[in-house]
Each structure stands twice: as C-alpha cells, then as structure tokens.
Amino acid sequence: MSMKSARLWLRLVLVFIAAAVMIFGATITRAQEPPPPPQPAAQESPSTPAEKPGKKKPSHARDFLIRGTVFNEKALSLPGADLRIRVAGEKKYRWETYTNSRGEFAVRVAQGADYEVVVRVKGFADQTRTVGAKNGGDEETLMILMQPLMGGAK
C-alpha cells in the first residue's frame, strides 16, 4: 500500500467516524428533548353523557382566606400548631389544619359569616381569634402569639 493510498484510506475512515458520531449524537440529543405538548382535544358537544348538567366545578370567587403565622413566647415561628375554625356561635368545627414548618397556615372559608379560630399547642394556653368575613374583604391575616402555661413543662 502506497503512502498516498494509506492517507486516503485514513481520511475515509476519519470521515466515516465523524459521520457516525454526528448521527449518534443527534439521536441522543433527540432522546433527551422533552416530548412535544399534547394536541388540544376536540371540543365535545354539551349533550355528551359524560357531562352532568347539575354539577359545576366549584368557584372560589366568593371565598374568604384566613391566613397567618403562629409564634411562641420568644417570637419564633411555631410549626405543628393545631388550628380549628368554626362559624361563630356554633359548636362544631368545620375546618382543621396545622401550621407548616414556618408556623404559617391558610384556610379558605365562605364569605358572609364571622368565624372563630382556635389555636392549640401542647404546653401553651389556647388562643382564640374572631374573624369577620362579612365586610367585603377577601382575606384576613392573623399573627398569633402563644403564651406558655404556668408551671407546666413545654
């Protein structure tokens, strides 16, 4: 094999390897791309049996948001506090939640009533707040400072 044919052969091999790498790289790149978004479904006619005429999705347009933060006596946030909410004057609690890791909570209630928010934490005195959801606003933010029980272990 002459030097000229060896160089030609080497060039052909290099071109083949470069083409294979480009094809393989394009295949891997395509595999890593996210799939295309789904095509929107065709609109169904209102007379389909899957729809129920009496059922509508709930709207939160007239909801009232009670949110806030619970703190301990040292003004540090208090995670895991138990919150119960009821309509003022009723005995039964309608909503219950707990504060998150930052001592925050949020509960969506219906507008047009006054609510009692009761906060309970072991080792602390219960705290009660009244929230008025009648006055046209759409939310109220509470800051609740818990007081430790006297003579009790925390």
N, C-alpha and C. Protein backbone atom coordinates (compact mmCIF):
# COMPACT_ATOMS: atom_id res chain seq x y z
N MET A 1 0.85 -1.15 0.00
CA MET A 1 0.00 0.00 0.00
C MET A 1 0.90 1.23 0.00
N SER A 2 0.64 2.12 -0.91
CA SER A 2 1.49 3.30 -1.00
C SER A 2 1.07 4.33 0.04
N MET A 3 1.91 5.29 0.26
CA MET A 3 1.68 6.34 1.25
C MET A 3 0.44 7.16 0.90
N LYS A 4 0.25 7.38 -0.40
CA LYS A 4 -0.89 8.16 -0.86
C LYS A 4 -2.20 7.42 -0.58
N SER A 5 -2.25 6.13 -0.88
CA SER A 5 -3.46 5.37 -0.65
C SER A 5 -3.71 5.18 0.84
N ALA A 6 -2.68 5.09 1.66
CA ALA A 6 -2.85 4.98 3.12
C ALA A 6 -3.47 6.26 3.68
N ARG A 7 -3.02 7.41 3.19
CA ARG A 7 -3.60 8.68 3.64
C ARG A 7 -5.06 8.80 3.21
N LEU A 8 -5.34 8.37 1.99
CA LEU A 8 -6.71 8.41 1.51
C LEU A 8 -7.59 7.49 2.35
N TRP A 9 -7.06 6.30 2.62
CA TRP A 9 -7.79 5.34 3.45
C TRP A 9 -8.04 5.93 4.85
N LEU A 10 -7.06 6.56 5.46
CA LEU A 10 -7.18 7.17 6.78
C LEU A 10 -8.21 8.30 6.76
N ARG A 11 -8.20 9.09 5.71
CA ARG A 11 -9.20 10.17 5.59
C ARG A 11 -10.62 9.59 5.51
N LEU A 12 -10.80 8.55 4.74
CA LEU A 12 -12.11 7.93 4.61
C LEU A 12 -12.60 7.38 5.97
N VAL A 13 -11.69 6.75 6.69
CA VAL A 13 -12.05 6.21 8.00
C VAL A 13 -12.44 7.35 8.94
N LEU A 14 -11.68 8.42 8.95
CA LEU A 14 -11.98 9.57 9.81
C LEU A 14 -13.31 10.21 9.44
N VAL A 15 -13.60 10.34 8.15
CA VAL A 15 -14.88 10.90 7.71
C VAL A 15 -16.03 9.99 8.16
N PHE A 16 -15.83 8.67 8.02
CA PHE A 16 -16.86 7.73 8.45
C PHE A 16 -17.10 7.83 9.95
N ILE A 17 -16.04 7.90 10.73
CA ILE A 17 -16.17 8.01 12.20
C ILE A 17 -16.86 9.32 12.56
N ALA A 18 -16.50 10.41 11.91
CA ALA A 18 -17.13 11.71 12.20
C ALA A 18 -18.61 11.67 11.87
N ALA A 19 -18.98 11.05 10.76
CA ALA A 19 -20.39 10.95 10.39
C ALA A 19 -21.15 10.10 11.40
N ALA A 20 -20.55 9.00 11.85
CA ALA A 20 -21.21 8.14 12.83
C ALA A 20 -21.41 8.87 14.15
N VAL A 21 -20.41 9.63 14.57
CA VAL A 21 -20.52 10.40 15.82
C VAL A 21 -21.63 11.45 15.69
N MET A 22 -21.71 12.12 14.56
CA MET A 22 -22.74 13.14 14.38
C MET A 22 -24.14 12.52 14.40
N ILE A 23 -24.31 11.38 13.74
CA ILE A 23 -25.62 10.71 13.71
C ILE A 23 -25.97 10.22 15.11
N PHE A 24 -25.02 9.58 15.77
CA PHE A 24 -25.27 9.07 17.12
C PHE A 24 -25.56 10.22 18.09
N GLY A 25 -24.83 11.32 17.98
CA GLY A 25 -25.04 12.49 18.85
C GLY A 25 -26.41 13.11 18.62
N ALA A 26 -26.85 13.17 17.37
CA ALA A 26 -28.17 13.74 17.07
C ALA A 26 -29.26 12.85 17.65
N THR A 27 -29.05 11.53 17.62
CA THR A 27 -30.03 10.60 18.18
C THR A 27 -30.13 10.78 19.69
N ILE A 28 -29.02 10.93 20.36
CA ILE A 28 -29.02 11.12 21.81
C ILE A 28 -29.66 12.46 22.16
N THR A 29 -29.35 13.50 21.42
CA THR A 29 -29.93 14.81 21.69
C THR A 29 -31.44 14.78 21.53
N ARG A 30 -31.94 14.10 20.48
CA ARG A 30 -33.37 13.99 20.28
C ARG A 30 -34.03 13.20 21.41
N ALA A 31 -33.35 12.21 21.92
CA ALA A 31 -33.91 11.38 23.01
C ALA A 31 -34.00 12.19 24.30
N GLN A 32 -33.15 13.20 24.47
CA GLN A 32 -33.16 13.98 25.69
C GLN A 32 -34.11 15.17 25.64
N GLU A 33 -34.62 15.50 24.49
CA GLU A 33 -35.56 16.61 24.38
C GLU A 33 -36.90 16.22 24.97
N PRO A 34 -37.62 17.17 25.58
CA PRO A 34 -38.93 16.84 26.13
C PRO A 34 -39.91 16.51 25.01
N PRO A 35 -40.89 15.68 25.30
CA PRO A 35 -41.86 15.35 24.26
C PRO A 35 -42.66 16.58 23.87
N PRO A 36 -43.18 16.60 22.67
CA PRO A 36 -43.98 17.76 22.24
C PRO A 36 -45.25 17.85 23.08
N PRO A 37 -45.79 19.05 23.28
CA PRO A 37 -47.01 19.18 24.07
C PRO A 37 -48.18 18.46 23.39
N PRO A 38 -49.09 17.91 24.19
CA PRO A 38 -50.22 17.20 23.60
C PRO A 38 -51.11 18.15 22.81
N GLN A 39 -51.70 17.62 21.78
CA GLN A 39 -52.61 18.41 20.97
C GLN A 39 -53.91 18.63 21.73
N PRO A 40 -54.50 19.80 21.66
CA PRO A 40 -55.76 20.02 22.38
C PRO A 40 -56.83 19.07 21.86
N ALA A 41 -57.60 18.56 22.80
CA ALA A 41 -58.67 17.62 22.45
C ALA A 41 -59.79 18.38 21.75
N ALA A 42 -60.48 17.66 20.93
CA ALA A 42 -61.62 18.27 20.23
C ALA A 42 -62.71 18.61 21.24
N GLN A 43 -63.35 19.72 21.06
CA GLN A 43 -64.43 20.14 21.96
C GLN A 43 -65.60 19.17 21.83
N GLU A 44 -66.08 18.69 22.99
CA GLU A 44 -67.23 17.81 22.96
C GLU A 44 -68.51 18.64 22.98
N SER A 45 -69.54 18.10 22.40
CA SER A 45 -70.81 18.80 22.41
C SER A 45 -71.41 18.72 23.81
N PRO A 46 -72.21 19.70 24.23
CA PRO A 46 -72.77 19.72 25.57
C PRO A 46 -73.71 18.56 25.86
N SER A 47 -74.12 17.81 24.86
CA SER A 47 -75.08 16.73 25.08
C SER A 47 -74.41 15.39 25.31
N THR A 48 -73.09 15.37 25.57
CA THR A 48 -72.44 14.09 25.81
C THR A 48 -72.85 13.54 27.16
N PRO A 49 -72.95 12.22 27.29
CA PRO A 49 -73.39 11.63 28.55
C PRO A 49 -72.38 11.79 29.67
N ALA A 50 -71.11 12.12 29.38
CA ALA A 50 -70.10 12.25 30.42
C ALA A 50 -70.36 13.49 31.29
N GLU A 51 -70.97 14.50 30.73
CA GLU A 51 -71.25 15.72 31.49
C GLU A 51 -72.57 15.59 32.22
N LYS A 52 -72.60 16.13 33.43
CA LYS A 52 -73.84 16.13 34.19
C LYS A 52 -74.32 17.57 34.28
N PRO A 53 -75.51 17.86 33.82
CA PRO A 53 -75.96 19.26 33.75
C PRO A 53 -76.06 19.93 35.12
N GLY A 54 -76.31 19.21 36.19
CA GLY A 54 -76.49 19.83 37.51
C GLY A 54 -75.18 20.07 38.24
N LYS A 55 -74.08 19.49 37.79
CA LYS A 55 -72.80 19.61 38.50
C LYS A 55 -71.92 20.64 37.81
N LYS A 56 -71.42 21.59 38.61
CA LYS A 56 -70.49 22.58 38.11
C LYS A 56 -69.25 22.54 38.99
N LYS A 57 -68.14 22.92 38.43
CA LYS A 57 -66.92 22.97 39.22
C LYS A 57 -67.05 24.10 40.23
N PRO A 58 -66.55 23.88 41.45
CA PRO A 58 -66.67 24.94 42.45
C PRO A 58 -65.84 26.17 42.08
N SER A 59 -66.40 27.32 42.35
CA SER A 59 -65.71 28.57 42.09
C SER A 59 -65.25 29.15 43.42
N HIS A 60 -64.05 29.65 43.46
CA HIS A 60 -63.53 30.24 44.68
C HIS A 60 -63.64 31.77 44.65
N ALA A 61 -64.47 32.28 43.77
CA ALA A 61 -64.59 33.72 43.62
C ALA A 61 -65.17 34.38 44.87
N ARG A 62 -66.02 33.69 45.61
CA ARG A 62 -66.64 34.28 46.79
C ARG A 62 -66.05 33.73 48.08
N ASP A 63 -64.87 33.16 48.03
CA ASP A 63 -64.23 32.62 49.23
C ASP A 63 -63.51 33.71 50.00
N PHE A 64 -63.31 33.44 51.27
CA PHE A 64 -62.58 34.33 52.17
C PHE A 64 -61.38 33.55 52.68
N LEU A 65 -60.20 34.15 52.67
CA LEU A 65 -58.98 33.47 53.07
C LEU A 65 -58.56 33.94 54.46
N ILE A 66 -58.46 32.98 55.37
CA ILE A 66 -57.92 33.26 56.71
C ILE A 66 -56.51 32.67 56.71
N ARG A 67 -55.53 33.54 56.89
CA ARG A 67 -54.15 33.07 56.90
C ARG A 67 -53.40 33.77 58.01
N GLY A 68 -52.24 33.23 58.34
CA GLY A 68 -51.47 33.86 59.39
C GLY A 68 -50.28 33.02 59.80
N THR A 69 -49.67 33.47 60.90
CA THR A 69 -48.49 32.81 61.45
C THR A 69 -48.66 32.69 62.95
N VAL A 70 -48.21 31.56 63.51
CA VAL A 70 -48.27 31.32 64.94
C VAL A 70 -46.84 31.39 65.49
N PHE A 71 -46.67 32.15 66.59
CA PHE A 71 -45.37 32.34 67.20
C PHE A 71 -45.39 31.85 68.64
N ASN A 72 -44.21 31.46 69.16
CA ASN A 72 -44.11 31.12 70.58
C ASN A 72 -43.79 32.38 71.38
N GLU A 73 -43.55 32.23 72.68
CA GLU A 73 -43.32 33.39 73.55
C GLU A 73 -42.03 34.13 73.22
N LYS A 74 -41.11 33.50 72.51
CA LYS A 74 -39.84 34.13 72.12
C LYS A 74 -39.91 34.70 70.71
N ALA A 75 -41.10 34.80 70.15
CA ALA A 75 -41.35 35.34 68.82
C ALA A 75 -40.72 34.49 67.71
N LEU A 76 -40.58 33.19 67.97
CA LEU A 76 -40.12 32.26 66.94
C LEU A 76 -41.33 31.54 66.37
N SER A 77 -41.30 31.25 65.09
CA SER A 77 -42.45 30.58 64.47
C SER A 77 -42.65 29.21 65.11
N LEU A 78 -43.90 28.79 65.13
CA LEU A 78 -44.28 27.57 65.85
C LEU A 78 -44.90 26.57 64.87
N PRO A 79 -44.11 25.61 64.36
CA PRO A 79 -44.67 24.62 63.44
C PRO A 79 -45.52 23.59 64.18
N GLY A 80 -46.49 23.03 63.48
CA GLY A 80 -47.31 21.95 64.02
C GLY A 80 -48.42 22.38 64.95
N ALA A 81 -48.73 23.67 65.00
CA ALA A 81 -49.84 24.14 65.84
C ALA A 81 -51.16 23.70 65.21
N ASP A 82 -52.09 23.26 66.04
CA ASP A 82 -53.40 22.78 65.59
C ASP A 82 -54.36 23.96 65.52
N LEU A 83 -54.96 24.20 64.36
CA LEU A 83 -55.94 25.28 64.18
C LEU A 83 -57.28 24.67 63.82
N ARG A 84 -58.30 25.11 64.52
CA ARG A 84 -59.67 24.68 64.23
C ARG A 84 -60.51 25.93 64.02
N ILE A 85 -61.36 25.87 63.02
CA ILE A 85 -62.17 27.04 62.66
C ILE A 85 -63.64 26.61 62.60
N ARG A 86 -64.48 27.46 63.19
CA ARG A 86 -65.92 27.21 63.15
C ARG A 86 -66.65 28.53 62.95
N VAL A 87 -67.89 28.45 62.51
CA VAL A 87 -68.73 29.62 62.39
C VAL A 87 -69.01 30.10 63.82
N ALA A 88 -68.91 31.40 64.05
CA ALA A 88 -69.12 31.95 65.39
C ALA A 88 -70.49 31.54 65.91
N GLY A 89 -70.54 31.04 67.14
CA GLY A 89 -71.79 30.63 67.75
C GLY A 89 -72.10 29.15 67.58
N GLU A 90 -71.40 28.46 66.70
CA GLU A 90 -71.64 27.02 66.52
C GLU A 90 -70.67 26.23 67.41
N LYS A 91 -71.04 24.98 67.68
CA LYS A 91 -70.18 24.13 68.48
C LYS A 91 -69.22 23.31 67.62
N LYS A 92 -69.69 22.92 66.45
CA LYS A 92 -68.91 22.03 65.59
C LYS A 92 -67.88 22.82 64.77
N TYR A 93 -66.64 22.30 64.78
CA TYR A 93 -65.59 22.89 63.95
C TYR A 93 -65.75 22.36 62.52
N ARG A 94 -65.66 23.26 61.56
CA ARG A 94 -65.83 22.86 60.15
C ARG A 94 -64.50 22.66 59.44
N TRP A 95 -63.44 23.34 59.90
CA TRP A 95 -62.13 23.25 59.27
C TRP A 95 -61.08 22.98 60.32
N GLU A 96 -60.07 22.19 59.95
CA GLU A 96 -58.94 21.93 60.83
C GLU A 96 -57.68 21.87 59.98
N THR A 97 -56.61 22.48 60.47
CA THR A 97 -55.34 22.46 59.76
C THR A 97 -54.23 22.60 60.78
N TYR A 98 -53.01 22.47 60.32
CA TYR A 98 -51.82 22.62 61.15
C TYR A 98 -50.89 23.62 60.50
N THR A 99 -50.08 24.29 61.31
CA THR A 99 -49.10 25.21 60.75
C THR A 99 -47.98 24.42 60.09
N ASN A 100 -47.40 25.01 59.06
CA ASN A 100 -46.30 24.35 58.35
C ASN A 100 -44.99 24.55 59.11
N SER A 101 -43.88 24.21 58.49
CA SER A 101 -42.57 24.29 59.16
C SER A 101 -42.17 25.73 59.49
N ARG A 102 -42.83 26.71 58.89
CA ARG A 102 -42.54 28.12 59.19
C ARG A 102 -43.62 28.74 60.06
N GLY A 103 -44.49 27.92 60.62
CA GLY A 103 -45.54 28.42 61.51
C GLY A 103 -46.70 29.07 60.78
N GLU A 104 -46.82 28.89 59.48
CA GLU A 104 -47.85 29.56 58.68
C GLU A 104 -49.02 28.63 58.41
N PHE A 105 -50.18 29.23 58.19
CA PHE A 105 -51.38 28.48 57.83
C PHE A 105 -52.23 29.33 56.90
N ALA A 106 -53.13 28.67 56.18
CA ALA A 106 -54.10 29.35 55.32
C ALA A 106 -55.30 28.43 55.15
N VAL A 107 -56.50 28.99 55.35
CA VAL A 107 -57.73 28.22 55.22
C VAL A 107 -58.73 29.06 54.43
N ARG A 108 -59.37 28.44 53.45
CA ARG A 108 -60.37 29.10 52.63
C ARG A 108 -61.75 28.79 53.20
N VAL A 109 -62.53 29.84 53.53
CA VAL A 109 -63.87 29.68 54.08
C VAL A 109 -64.84 30.50 53.23
N ALA A 110 -66.13 30.33 53.48
CA ALA A 110 -67.14 31.08 52.73
C ALA A 110 -67.29 32.49 53.30
N GLN A 111 -67.55 33.46 52.45
CA GLN A 111 -67.80 34.82 52.89
C GLN A 111 -69.18 34.92 53.52
N GLY A 112 -69.38 35.97 54.32
CA GLY A 112 -70.72 36.25 54.84
C GLY A 112 -70.97 35.77 56.25
N ALA A 113 -69.94 35.37 56.99
CA ALA A 113 -70.12 34.92 58.37
C ALA A 113 -68.93 35.36 59.20
N ASP A 114 -69.10 35.30 60.52
CA ASP A 114 -67.99 35.51 61.43
C ASP A 114 -67.47 34.14 61.84
N TYR A 115 -66.15 34.02 61.99
CA TYR A 115 -65.53 32.74 62.30
C TYR A 115 -64.68 32.86 63.56
N GLU A 116 -64.61 31.75 64.31
CA GLU A 116 -63.72 31.65 65.46
C GLU A 116 -62.56 30.74 65.07
N VAL A 117 -61.35 31.23 65.30
CA VAL A 117 -60.14 30.45 65.04
C VAL A 117 -59.55 30.10 66.39
N VAL A 118 -59.43 28.81 66.68
CA VAL A 118 -58.87 28.34 67.95
C VAL A 118 -57.53 27.67 67.64
N VAL A 119 -56.47 28.12 68.34
CA VAL A 119 -55.13 27.58 68.13
C VAL A 119 -54.74 26.82 69.39
N ARG A 120 -54.29 25.57 69.20
CA ARG A 120 -53.89 24.73 70.32
C ARG A 120 -52.49 24.18 70.08
N VAL A 121 -51.66 24.28 71.11
CA VAL A 121 -50.31 23.72 71.09
C VAL A 121 -50.04 23.18 72.48
N LYS A 122 -49.49 21.98 72.55
CA LYS A 122 -49.18 21.38 73.85
C LYS A 122 -48.17 22.26 74.59
N GLY A 123 -48.48 22.55 75.86
CA GLY A 123 -47.59 23.38 76.68
C GLY A 123 -47.91 24.86 76.60
N PHE A 124 -48.90 25.25 75.78
CA PHE A 124 -49.27 26.65 75.62
C PHE A 124 -50.77 26.80 75.88
N ALA A 125 -51.16 27.99 76.33
CA ALA A 125 -52.58 28.29 76.52
C ALA A 125 -53.25 28.44 75.16
N ASP A 126 -54.47 27.92 75.03
CA ASP A 126 -55.22 28.05 73.78
C ASP A 126 -55.47 29.52 73.48
N GLN A 127 -55.43 29.86 72.21
CA GLN A 127 -55.70 31.23 71.75
C GLN A 127 -56.90 31.19 70.82
N THR A 128 -57.82 32.14 71.00
CA THR A 128 -59.00 32.24 70.15
C THR A 128 -59.05 33.62 69.51
N ARG A 129 -59.29 33.65 68.22
CA ARG A 129 -59.44 34.91 67.48
C ARG A 129 -60.75 34.85 66.71
N THR A 130 -61.42 35.99 66.61
CA THR A 130 -62.64 36.10 65.81
C THR A 130 -62.30 36.84 64.52
N VAL A 131 -62.76 36.28 63.41
CA VAL A 131 -62.51 36.86 62.09
C VAL A 131 -63.85 37.16 61.45
N GLY A 132 -64.02 38.39 61.00
CA GLY A 132 -65.26 38.78 60.32
C GLY A 132 -65.09 38.69 58.82
N ALA A 133 -65.88 37.85 58.19
CA ALA A 133 -65.82 37.67 56.74
C ALA A 133 -67.05 38.27 56.07
N LYS A 134 -67.66 39.28 56.72
CA LYS A 134 -68.87 39.90 56.17
C LYS A 134 -68.59 41.24 55.51
N ASN A 135 -67.47 41.85 55.82
CA ASN A 135 -67.26 43.26 55.47
C ASN A 135 -66.67 43.50 54.09
N GLY A 136 -66.84 42.60 53.15
CA GLY A 136 -66.45 42.88 51.77
C GLY A 136 -65.02 42.56 51.42
N GLY A 137 -64.15 42.32 52.39
CA GLY A 137 -62.78 41.95 52.06
C GLY A 137 -62.73 40.52 51.59
N ASP A 138 -61.55 40.10 51.12
CA ASP A 138 -61.44 38.72 50.68
C ASP A 138 -60.41 37.92 51.46
N GLU A 139 -59.74 38.56 52.45
CA GLU A 139 -58.81 37.82 53.29
C GLU A 139 -58.49 38.60 54.55
N GLU A 140 -58.01 37.85 55.56
CA GLU A 140 -57.53 38.46 56.79
C GLU A 140 -56.29 37.70 57.23
N THR A 141 -55.28 38.46 57.67
CA THR A 141 -54.03 37.87 58.12
C THR A 141 -53.93 38.02 59.63
N LEU A 142 -53.66 36.90 60.30
CA LEU A 142 -53.55 36.86 61.76
C LEU A 142 -52.11 36.62 62.18
N MET A 143 -51.70 37.26 63.26
CA MET A 143 -50.43 36.98 63.91
C MET A 143 -50.78 36.54 65.33
N ILE A 144 -50.52 35.28 65.64
CA ILE A 144 -50.96 34.73 66.92
C ILE A 144 -49.73 34.41 67.75
N LEU A 145 -49.65 35.01 68.95
CA LEU A 145 -48.55 34.80 69.88
C LEU A 145 -49.04 33.88 70.99
N MET A 146 -48.48 32.70 71.06
CA MET A 146 -48.87 31.72 72.07
C MET A 146 -48.16 32.02 73.39
N GLN A 147 -48.87 31.82 74.51
CA GLN A 147 -48.32 32.05 75.84
C GLN A 147 -48.14 30.70 76.54
N PRO A 148 -46.95 30.44 77.12
CA PRO A 148 -46.75 29.16 77.79
C PRO A 148 -47.62 29.03 79.02
N LEU A 149 -48.02 27.80 79.33
CA LEU A 149 -48.80 27.53 80.54
C LEU A 149 -47.91 27.73 81.77
N MET A 150 -48.48 28.25 82.84
CA MET A 150 -47.70 28.46 84.06
C MET A 150 -47.46 27.13 84.75
N GLY A 151 -46.21 26.88 85.16
CA GLY A 151 -45.86 25.69 85.92
C GLY A 151 -45.86 24.41 85.12
N GLY A 152 -46.12 24.46 83.83
CA GLY A 152 -46.17 23.26 83.00
C GLY A 152 -44.90 23.08 82.20
N ALA A 153 -44.56 21.85 81.92
CA ALA A 153 -43.41 21.59 81.07
C ALA A 153 -43.79 21.83 79.62
N LYS A 154 -42.83 22.29 78.84
CA LYS A 154 -43.10 22.58 77.43
C LYS A 154 -42.92 21.36 76.60
